[in-house]
């Protein structure tokens, strides 16, 4: 199981702050996890579409799409933040 956290507009669009989820495959990375979440359809497909700019952190470290995700990890997803 991994702990997923959703932040900012992503949290609002999905209606939940996070969840626990079994990994979709033993050799999983951030991109595969995003694809798995997008396959849920509806708001999930819209928010996790490959073309959408989302940032990810694995265990509180910024992570690229190819970063591995293992059982017990915490994965946070959030849109890029702008401000002043």
N, C-alpha and C. Protein backbone atom coordinates (compact mmCIF):
# COMPACT_ATOMS: atom_id res chain seq x y z
N UNK A 1 0.84 -1.18 0.00
CA UNK A 1 0.00 0.00 0.00
C UNK A 1 0.88 1.25 0.00
N UNK A 2 0.41 2.26 -0.69
CA UNK A 2 1.05 3.56 -0.67
C UNK A 2 0.03 4.58 -0.15
N UNK A 3 0.54 5.63 0.44
CA UNK A 3 -0.32 6.71 0.91
C UNK A 3 -0.25 7.81 -0.14
N UNK A 4 -1.40 8.19 -0.68
CA UNK A 4 -1.48 9.25 -1.67
C UNK A 4 -2.05 10.49 -1.03
N UNK A 5 -1.46 11.63 -1.35
CA UNK A 5 -1.93 12.92 -0.86
C UNK A 5 -2.20 13.82 -2.06
N UNK A 6 -3.31 14.56 -2.01
CA UNK A 6 -3.69 15.45 -3.10
C UNK A 6 -3.78 16.87 -2.54
N UNK A 7 -3.17 17.83 -3.25
CA UNK A 7 -3.10 19.19 -2.75
C UNK A 7 -3.71 20.20 -3.71
N UNK A 8 -4.07 21.35 -3.15
CA UNK A 8 -4.55 22.54 -3.87
C UNK A 8 -5.76 22.20 -4.74
N UNK A 9 -5.76 22.67 -5.98
CA UNK A 9 -6.89 22.46 -6.87
C UNK A 9 -7.17 21.00 -7.15
N UNK A 10 -6.16 20.18 -7.08
CA UNK A 10 -6.33 18.74 -7.29
C UNK A 10 -7.22 18.17 -6.19
N UNK A 11 -6.97 18.53 -4.97
CA UNK A 11 -7.78 18.09 -3.83
C UNK A 11 -9.23 18.53 -4.01
N UNK A 12 -9.41 19.77 -4.43
CA UNK A 12 -10.76 20.30 -4.63
C UNK A 12 -11.49 19.55 -5.74
N UNK A 13 -10.81 19.29 -6.85
CA UNK A 13 -11.44 18.61 -7.99
C UNK A 13 -11.81 17.17 -7.67
N UNK A 14 -10.99 16.49 -6.87
CA UNK A 14 -11.24 15.09 -6.55
C UNK A 14 -12.15 14.92 -5.34
N UNK A 15 -12.21 15.93 -4.50
CA UNK A 15 -13.08 15.88 -3.33
C UNK A 15 -12.55 15.09 -2.16
N UNK A 16 -11.26 14.73 -2.21
CA UNK A 16 -10.64 14.02 -1.08
C UNK A 16 -9.21 14.52 -0.91
N UNK A 17 -8.71 14.52 0.33
CA UNK A 17 -7.34 14.98 0.57
C UNK A 17 -6.29 13.90 0.32
N UNK A 18 -6.71 12.64 0.30
CA UNK A 18 -5.77 11.56 0.10
C UNK A 18 -6.43 10.21 0.27
N UNK A 19 -5.64 9.17 0.13
CA UNK A 19 -6.15 7.80 0.26
C UNK A 19 -4.98 6.84 0.36
N UNK A 20 -5.27 5.61 0.73
CA UNK A 20 -4.29 4.53 0.67
C UNK A 20 -4.68 3.64 -0.50
N UNK A 21 -3.67 3.15 -1.21
CA UNK A 21 -3.93 2.42 -2.44
C UNK A 21 -2.89 1.32 -2.62
N UNK A 22 -3.33 0.16 -3.08
CA UNK A 22 -2.39 -0.90 -3.45
C UNK A 22 -1.73 -0.52 -4.77
N UNK A 23 -0.45 -0.75 -4.89
CA UNK A 23 0.25 -0.45 -6.13
C UNK A 23 -0.33 -1.27 -7.28
N UNK A 24 -0.48 -0.66 -8.47
CA UNK A 24 -1.05 -1.38 -9.60
C UNK A 24 -0.11 -2.45 -10.18
N UNK A 25 1.18 -2.36 -9.87
CA UNK A 25 2.15 -3.34 -10.38
C UNK A 25 3.35 -3.36 -9.44
N UNK A 26 4.08 -4.49 -9.39
CA UNK A 26 5.25 -4.55 -8.49
C UNK A 26 6.33 -3.54 -8.87
N UNK A 27 6.55 -3.34 -10.16
CA UNK A 27 7.54 -2.37 -10.63
C UNK A 27 6.79 -1.12 -11.08
N UNK A 28 6.49 -0.26 -10.13
CA UNK A 28 5.67 0.92 -10.41
C UNK A 28 6.53 2.17 -10.31
N UNK A 29 6.19 3.15 -11.13
CA UNK A 29 6.83 4.46 -11.02
C UNK A 29 5.73 5.52 -10.97
N UNK A 30 6.12 6.76 -10.83
CA UNK A 30 5.14 7.84 -10.70
C UNK A 30 4.24 7.90 -11.92
N UNK A 31 4.80 7.74 -13.12
CA UNK A 31 3.99 7.79 -14.34
C UNK A 31 2.95 6.68 -14.38
N UNK A 32 3.33 5.47 -13.99
CA UNK A 32 2.39 4.34 -13.98
C UNK A 32 1.29 4.58 -12.95
N UNK A 33 1.64 5.16 -11.82
CA UNK A 33 0.65 5.46 -10.79
C UNK A 33 -0.34 6.51 -11.30
N UNK A 34 0.17 7.53 -11.97
CA UNK A 34 -0.71 8.55 -12.57
C UNK A 34 -1.66 7.92 -13.57
N UNK A 35 -1.15 7.04 -14.42
CA UNK A 35 -1.98 6.38 -15.43
C UNK A 35 -3.05 5.53 -14.77
N UNK A 36 -2.69 4.86 -13.70
CA UNK A 36 -3.66 4.04 -12.95
C UNK A 36 -4.77 4.91 -12.39
N UNK A 37 -4.42 6.05 -11.83
CA UNK A 37 -5.43 6.95 -11.27
C UNK A 37 -6.30 7.56 -12.37
N UNK A 38 -5.71 7.90 -13.51
CA UNK A 38 -6.46 8.46 -14.63
C UNK A 38 -7.47 7.45 -15.17
N UNK A 39 -7.14 6.16 -15.08
CA UNK A 39 -8.03 5.11 -15.60
C UNK A 39 -9.33 5.01 -14.80
N UNK A 40 -9.42 5.68 -13.67
CA UNK A 40 -10.67 5.69 -12.90
C UNK A 40 -11.77 6.44 -13.65
N UNK A 41 -11.39 7.29 -14.58
CA UNK A 41 -12.36 8.05 -15.37
C UNK A 41 -12.83 9.31 -14.68
N UNK A 42 -13.74 10.02 -15.32
CA UNK A 42 -14.32 11.24 -14.75
C UNK A 42 -13.28 12.27 -14.37
N UNK A 43 -13.45 12.85 -13.18
CA UNK A 43 -12.52 13.87 -12.69
C UNK A 43 -11.11 13.33 -12.59
N UNK A 44 -10.98 12.04 -12.28
CA UNK A 44 -9.66 11.42 -12.18
C UNK A 44 -8.94 11.46 -13.52
N UNK A 45 -9.65 11.11 -14.58
CA UNK A 45 -9.04 11.12 -15.93
C UNK A 45 -8.62 12.54 -16.30
N UNK A 46 -9.46 13.50 -15.97
CA UNK A 46 -9.16 14.89 -16.28
C UNK A 46 -7.95 15.39 -15.49
N UNK A 47 -7.92 15.12 -14.21
CA UNK A 47 -6.86 15.65 -13.34
C UNK A 47 -5.51 14.95 -13.54
N UNK A 48 -5.54 13.66 -13.88
CA UNK A 48 -4.29 12.90 -14.01
C UNK A 48 -3.90 12.64 -15.46
N UNK A 49 -4.53 13.31 -16.42
CA UNK A 49 -4.18 13.15 -17.83
C UNK A 49 -2.69 13.42 -18.01
N UNK A 50 -2.08 12.66 -18.90
CA UNK A 50 -0.63 12.77 -19.12
C UNK A 50 -0.23 14.18 -19.54
N UNK A 51 -1.09 14.87 -20.27
CA UNK A 51 -0.76 16.22 -20.74
C UNK A 51 -0.86 17.27 -19.64
N UNK A 52 -1.49 16.93 -18.54
CA UNK A 52 -1.68 17.89 -17.45
C UNK A 52 -0.38 18.03 -16.64
N UNK A 53 -0.04 19.25 -16.34
CA UNK A 53 1.18 19.53 -15.59
C UNK A 53 0.92 19.32 -14.10
N UNK A 54 1.36 18.19 -13.58
CA UNK A 54 1.27 17.90 -12.15
C UNK A 54 2.65 17.62 -11.62
N UNK A 55 2.89 18.04 -10.42
CA UNK A 55 4.15 17.73 -9.74
C UNK A 55 3.90 16.56 -8.80
N UNK A 56 4.95 15.83 -8.50
CA UNK A 56 4.85 14.70 -7.57
C UNK A 56 6.04 14.72 -6.62
N UNK A 57 5.79 14.23 -5.42
CA UNK A 57 6.86 14.04 -4.45
C UNK A 57 6.70 12.64 -3.87
N UNK A 58 7.80 11.93 -3.78
CA UNK A 58 7.80 10.61 -3.17
C UNK A 58 8.57 10.72 -1.87
N UNK A 59 7.90 10.42 -0.79
CA UNK A 59 8.50 10.53 0.55
C UNK A 59 9.09 11.92 0.78
N UNK A 60 8.34 12.94 0.35
CA UNK A 60 8.65 14.36 0.55
C UNK A 60 9.84 14.85 -0.26
N UNK A 61 10.26 14.09 -1.27
CA UNK A 61 11.30 14.54 -2.20
C UNK A 61 10.67 14.67 -3.58
N UNK A 62 10.90 15.80 -4.25
CA UNK A 62 10.37 15.98 -5.60
C UNK A 62 10.81 14.80 -6.47
N UNK A 63 9.88 14.34 -7.31
CA UNK A 63 10.14 13.12 -8.07
C UNK A 63 9.74 13.29 -9.53
N UNK A 64 10.56 12.74 -10.41
CA UNK A 64 10.27 12.73 -11.84
C UNK A 64 9.30 11.58 -12.15
N UNK A 65 8.78 11.58 -13.36
CA UNK A 65 7.82 10.55 -13.77
C UNK A 65 8.39 9.14 -13.65
N UNK A 66 9.69 8.99 -13.85
CA UNK A 66 10.32 7.67 -13.82
C UNK A 66 10.75 7.24 -12.41
N UNK A 67 10.48 8.07 -11.41
CA UNK A 67 10.88 7.72 -10.04
C UNK A 67 10.10 6.50 -9.55
N UNK A 68 10.79 5.53 -8.97
CA UNK A 68 10.09 4.33 -8.49
C UNK A 68 9.20 4.63 -7.29
N UNK A 69 8.12 3.87 -7.21
CA UNK A 69 7.20 3.95 -6.07
C UNK A 69 7.11 2.54 -5.50
N UNK A 70 7.35 2.44 -4.20
CA UNK A 70 7.35 1.12 -3.54
C UNK A 70 6.32 1.08 -2.42
N UNK A 71 5.96 -0.14 -2.03
CA UNK A 71 5.04 -0.29 -0.89
C UNK A 71 5.56 0.50 0.29
N UNK A 72 4.66 1.19 0.97
CA UNK A 72 5.01 1.97 2.14
C UNK A 72 5.37 3.42 1.85
N UNK A 73 5.52 3.77 0.56
CA UNK A 73 5.87 5.14 0.20
C UNK A 73 4.68 6.07 0.37
N UNK A 74 4.99 7.35 0.52
CA UNK A 74 3.99 8.41 0.50
C UNK A 74 4.21 9.19 -0.79
N UNK A 75 3.15 9.32 -1.58
CA UNK A 75 3.24 10.04 -2.85
C UNK A 75 2.26 11.19 -2.81
N UNK A 76 2.78 12.40 -3.00
CA UNK A 76 1.95 13.60 -3.01
C UNK A 76 1.88 14.13 -4.44
N UNK A 77 0.68 14.51 -4.86
CA UNK A 77 0.46 15.11 -6.17
C UNK A 77 -0.08 16.51 -5.96
N UNK A 78 0.42 17.47 -6.77
CA UNK A 78 -0.06 18.84 -6.66
C UNK A 78 0.22 19.58 -7.95
N UNK A 79 -0.64 20.55 -8.26
CA UNK A 79 -0.39 21.36 -9.44
C UNK A 79 0.75 22.32 -9.17
N UNK A 80 1.39 22.83 -10.23
CA UNK A 80 2.43 23.83 -10.00
C UNK A 80 1.82 25.04 -9.28
N UNK A 81 2.56 25.64 -8.41
CA UNK A 81 2.05 26.75 -7.60
C UNK A 81 2.68 28.03 -8.10
N UNK A 82 1.85 29.04 -8.27
CA UNK A 82 2.35 30.37 -8.61
C UNK A 82 1.86 31.32 -7.56
N UNK A 83 2.49 32.42 -7.48
CA UNK A 83 2.06 33.40 -6.50
C UNK A 83 3.06 34.53 -6.39
N UNK A 84 2.79 35.40 -5.50
CA UNK A 84 3.69 36.52 -5.37
C UNK A 84 3.72 37.05 -3.98
